[in-house]
Amino acid sequence: MNTEYTAITKQAGDWRIGWIEEITGVNCQERTREELIESLRLTLKEAIEFNRKDAIASLGAGFIEEKIAV
C-alpha cells in the first residue's frame, strides 16, 4: 500500500520546520529542506508503526485486521 501524506514546511530563522498535516504529533526541525523531508518521512514511519503496535496491544487476542481505504 502506497499512502501519501502532506508535509507543510516553513523557514524559521536558520531552521526549516515542518509537520505532517494528517498525523498529529509528527513534526521536525532541520537545517535544510532535504534533511527536513527525510526526517519527517522517518518520523512518520515510526509514528505509524508505534500506533499500529499500540492498537494491537490494546485489543489483546481475537481481533480481526481489515484494510480500508478512504
N, C-alpha and C. Protein backbone atom coordinates (compact mmCIF):
# COMPACT_ATOMS: atom_id res chain seq x y z
N MET A 1 0.84 -1.17 0.00
CA MET A 1 0.00 0.00 0.00
C MET A 1 0.89 1.24 0.00
N ASN A 2 0.70 2.12 -0.95
CA ASN A 2 1.48 3.35 -1.06
C ASN A 2 0.58 4.51 -0.69
N THR A 3 0.66 4.98 0.55
CA THR A 3 -0.17 6.06 1.03
C THR A 3 0.63 7.35 1.01
N GLU A 4 -0.01 8.43 0.59
CA GLU A 4 0.65 9.73 0.56
C GLU A 4 0.14 10.59 1.71
N TYR A 5 1.04 11.39 2.25
CA TYR A 5 0.72 12.35 3.30
C TYR A 5 1.22 13.71 2.85
N THR A 6 0.79 14.76 3.53
CA THR A 6 1.15 16.11 3.14
C THR A 6 2.07 16.73 4.17
N ALA A 7 3.27 17.11 3.74
CA ALA A 7 4.21 17.82 4.60
C ALA A 7 4.00 19.32 4.38
N ILE A 8 3.90 20.06 5.47
CA ILE A 8 3.89 21.52 5.38
C ILE A 8 5.15 22.01 6.07
N THR A 9 5.87 22.91 5.41
CA THR A 9 7.17 23.36 5.93
C THR A 9 7.29 24.87 5.82
N LYS A 10 8.18 25.41 6.63
CA LYS A 10 8.49 26.83 6.52
C LYS A 10 9.85 27.11 7.10
N GLN A 11 10.44 28.19 6.64
CA GLN A 11 11.72 28.66 7.17
C GLN A 11 11.45 29.42 8.46
N ALA A 12 12.24 29.15 9.49
CA ALA A 12 12.12 29.85 10.77
C ALA A 12 13.53 30.19 11.24
N GLY A 13 14.00 31.34 10.87
CA GLY A 13 15.38 31.72 11.17
C GLY A 13 16.33 30.84 10.37
N ASP A 14 17.27 30.21 11.08
CA ASP A 14 18.24 29.33 10.43
C ASP A 14 17.70 27.92 10.22
N TRP A 15 16.50 27.65 10.67
CA TRP A 15 15.94 26.30 10.63
C TRP A 15 14.76 26.22 9.68
N ARG A 16 14.51 25.00 9.20
CA ARG A 16 13.26 24.70 8.49
C ARG A 16 12.45 23.83 9.44
N ILE A 17 11.19 24.15 9.60
CA ILE A 17 10.32 23.36 10.46
C ILE A 17 9.18 22.81 9.62
N GLY A 18 8.67 21.65 10.02
CA GLY A 18 7.62 21.03 9.23
C GLY A 18 6.78 20.07 10.02
N TRP A 19 5.60 19.81 9.48
CA TRP A 19 4.61 18.92 10.08
C TRP A 19 4.01 18.05 9.00
N ILE A 20 3.46 16.92 9.40
CA ILE A 20 2.62 16.11 8.53
C ILE A 20 1.19 16.48 8.87
N GLU A 21 0.46 17.03 7.90
CA GLU A 21 -0.89 17.54 8.14
C GLU A 21 -1.83 16.50 8.73
N GLU A 22 -1.77 15.29 8.23
CA GLU A 22 -2.77 14.29 8.56
C GLU A 22 -2.53 13.55 9.88
N ILE A 23 -1.34 13.64 10.43
CA ILE A 23 -0.99 12.86 11.63
C ILE A 23 -0.51 13.80 12.74
N THR A 24 -1.30 13.93 13.78
CA THR A 24 -0.94 14.78 14.91
C THR A 24 0.37 14.31 15.54
N GLY A 25 1.24 15.25 15.86
CA GLY A 25 2.47 14.93 16.57
C GLY A 25 3.66 14.63 15.70
N VAL A 26 3.48 14.55 14.38
CA VAL A 26 4.63 14.30 13.50
C VAL A 26 5.14 15.66 13.03
N ASN A 27 6.19 16.13 13.69
CA ASN A 27 6.80 17.41 13.33
C ASN A 27 8.29 17.32 13.55
N CYS A 28 9.04 18.09 12.78
CA CYS A 28 10.51 18.01 12.82
C CYS A 28 11.11 19.38 12.55
N GLN A 29 12.40 19.48 12.81
CA GLN A 29 13.16 20.70 12.56
C GLN A 29 14.53 20.30 12.05
N GLU A 30 14.96 20.87 10.93
CA GLU A 30 16.27 20.56 10.36
C GLU A 30 16.84 21.82 9.71
N ARG A 31 18.08 21.76 9.31
CA ARG A 31 18.74 22.92 8.69
C ARG A 31 18.36 23.10 7.22
N THR A 32 18.16 21.99 6.50
CA THR A 32 17.85 22.10 5.06
C THR A 32 16.50 21.44 4.75
N ARG A 33 15.93 21.80 3.61
CA ARG A 33 14.66 21.22 3.18
C ARG A 33 14.80 19.72 3.00
N GLU A 34 15.88 19.28 2.38
CA GLU A 34 16.09 17.86 2.13
C GLU A 34 16.18 17.07 3.44
N GLU A 35 16.92 17.59 4.41
CA GLU A 35 17.02 16.94 5.72
C GLU A 35 15.67 16.91 6.41
N LEU A 36 14.92 17.98 6.28
CA LEU A 36 13.60 18.06 6.92
C LEU A 36 12.65 17.03 6.34
N ILE A 37 12.59 16.93 5.02
CA ILE A 37 11.68 15.97 4.39
C ILE A 37 12.05 14.55 4.79
N GLU A 38 13.34 14.22 4.82
CA GLU A 38 13.77 12.88 5.22
C GLU A 38 13.43 12.63 6.69
N SER A 39 13.64 13.61 7.55
CA SER A 39 13.32 13.48 8.96
C SER A 39 11.81 13.29 9.17
N LEU A 40 10.99 14.05 8.43
CA LEU A 40 9.54 13.88 8.51
C LEU A 40 9.13 12.49 8.05
N ARG A 41 9.74 12.01 6.98
CA ARG A 41 9.42 10.67 6.45
C ARG A 41 9.72 9.60 7.50
N LEU A 42 10.89 9.67 8.12
CA LEU A 42 11.28 8.69 9.13
C LEU A 42 10.38 8.79 10.37
N THR A 43 10.11 10.00 10.82
CA THR A 43 9.26 10.19 11.99
C THR A 43 7.84 9.70 11.73
N LEU A 44 7.33 9.93 10.53
CA LEU A 44 6.00 9.45 10.15
C LEU A 44 5.95 7.92 10.17
N LYS A 45 6.95 7.27 9.60
CA LYS A 45 7.00 5.81 9.62
C LYS A 45 7.02 5.28 11.04
N GLU A 46 7.83 5.89 11.90
CA GLU A 46 7.91 5.46 13.29
C GLU A 46 6.58 5.67 14.02
N ALA A 47 5.92 6.80 13.77
CA ALA A 47 4.64 7.07 14.43
C ALA A 47 3.57 6.08 14.00
N ILE A 48 3.51 5.76 12.72
CA ILE A 48 2.53 4.80 12.22
C ILE A 48 2.79 3.42 12.82
N GLU A 49 4.04 3.00 12.86
CA GLU A 49 4.38 1.69 13.43
C GLU A 49 4.06 1.65 14.92
N PHE A 50 4.39 2.71 15.65
CA PHE A 50 4.08 2.77 17.08
C PHE A 50 2.58 2.69 17.30
N ASN A 51 1.80 3.47 16.53
CA ASN A 51 0.34 3.46 16.67
C ASN A 51 -0.24 2.09 16.36
N ARG A 52 0.31 1.43 15.35
CA ARG A 52 -0.16 0.09 14.98
C ARG A 52 0.09 -0.89 16.12
N LYS A 53 1.31 -0.89 16.65
CA LYS A 53 1.64 -1.81 17.75
C LYS A 53 0.81 -1.50 19.00
N ASP A 54 0.59 -0.22 19.26
CA ASP A 54 -0.20 0.18 20.42
C ASP A 54 -1.66 -0.29 20.28
N ALA A 55 -2.22 -0.15 19.09
CA ALA A 55 -3.60 -0.58 18.85
C ALA A 55 -3.74 -2.08 19.03
N ILE A 56 -2.80 -2.84 18.48
CA ILE A 56 -2.84 -4.31 18.59
C ILE A 56 -2.68 -4.73 20.05
N ALA A 57 -1.77 -4.10 20.77
CA ALA A 57 -1.57 -4.44 22.18
C ALA A 57 -2.81 -4.14 23.01
N SER A 58 -3.52 -3.08 22.66
CA SER A 58 -4.73 -2.69 23.40
C SER A 58 -5.87 -3.69 23.20
N LEU A 59 -5.90 -4.35 22.05
CA LEU A 59 -7.00 -5.26 21.73
C LEU A 59 -6.85 -6.64 22.37
N GLY A 60 -5.64 -7.04 22.62
CA GLY A 60 -5.43 -8.40 23.13
C GLY A 60 -5.65 -9.42 22.02
N ALA A 61 -6.11 -10.59 22.37
CA ALA A 61 -6.30 -11.67 21.39
C ALA A 61 -7.68 -11.58 20.74
N GLY A 62 -7.83 -12.26 19.62
CA GLY A 62 -9.11 -12.42 18.99
C GLY A 62 -9.57 -11.27 18.11
N PHE A 63 -8.66 -10.42 17.70
CA PHE A 63 -9.05 -9.31 16.84
C PHE A 63 -8.95 -9.70 15.36
N ILE A 64 -9.61 -8.92 14.53
CA ILE A 64 -9.55 -9.09 13.07
C ILE A 64 -8.96 -7.82 12.48
N GLU A 65 -8.00 -7.99 11.58
CA GLU A 65 -7.42 -6.86 10.86
C GLU A 65 -8.07 -6.76 9.49
N GLU A 66 -8.51 -5.57 9.14
CA GLU A 66 -9.10 -5.34 7.81
C GLU A 66 -8.54 -4.06 7.23
N LYS A 67 -8.15 -4.11 5.96
CA LYS A 67 -7.67 -2.93 5.25
C LYS A 67 -8.86 -2.10 4.82
N ILE A 68 -8.75 -0.78 4.98
CA ILE A 68 -9.78 0.12 4.46
C ILE A 68 -9.11 1.23 3.68
N ALA A 69 -9.81 1.81 2.77
CA ALA A 69 -9.31 2.94 2.00
C ALA A 69 -10.27 4.11 2.17
N VAL A 70 -9.70 5.29 2.15
CA VAL A 70 -10.54 6.49 2.25
C VAL A 70 -10.29 7.39 1.06
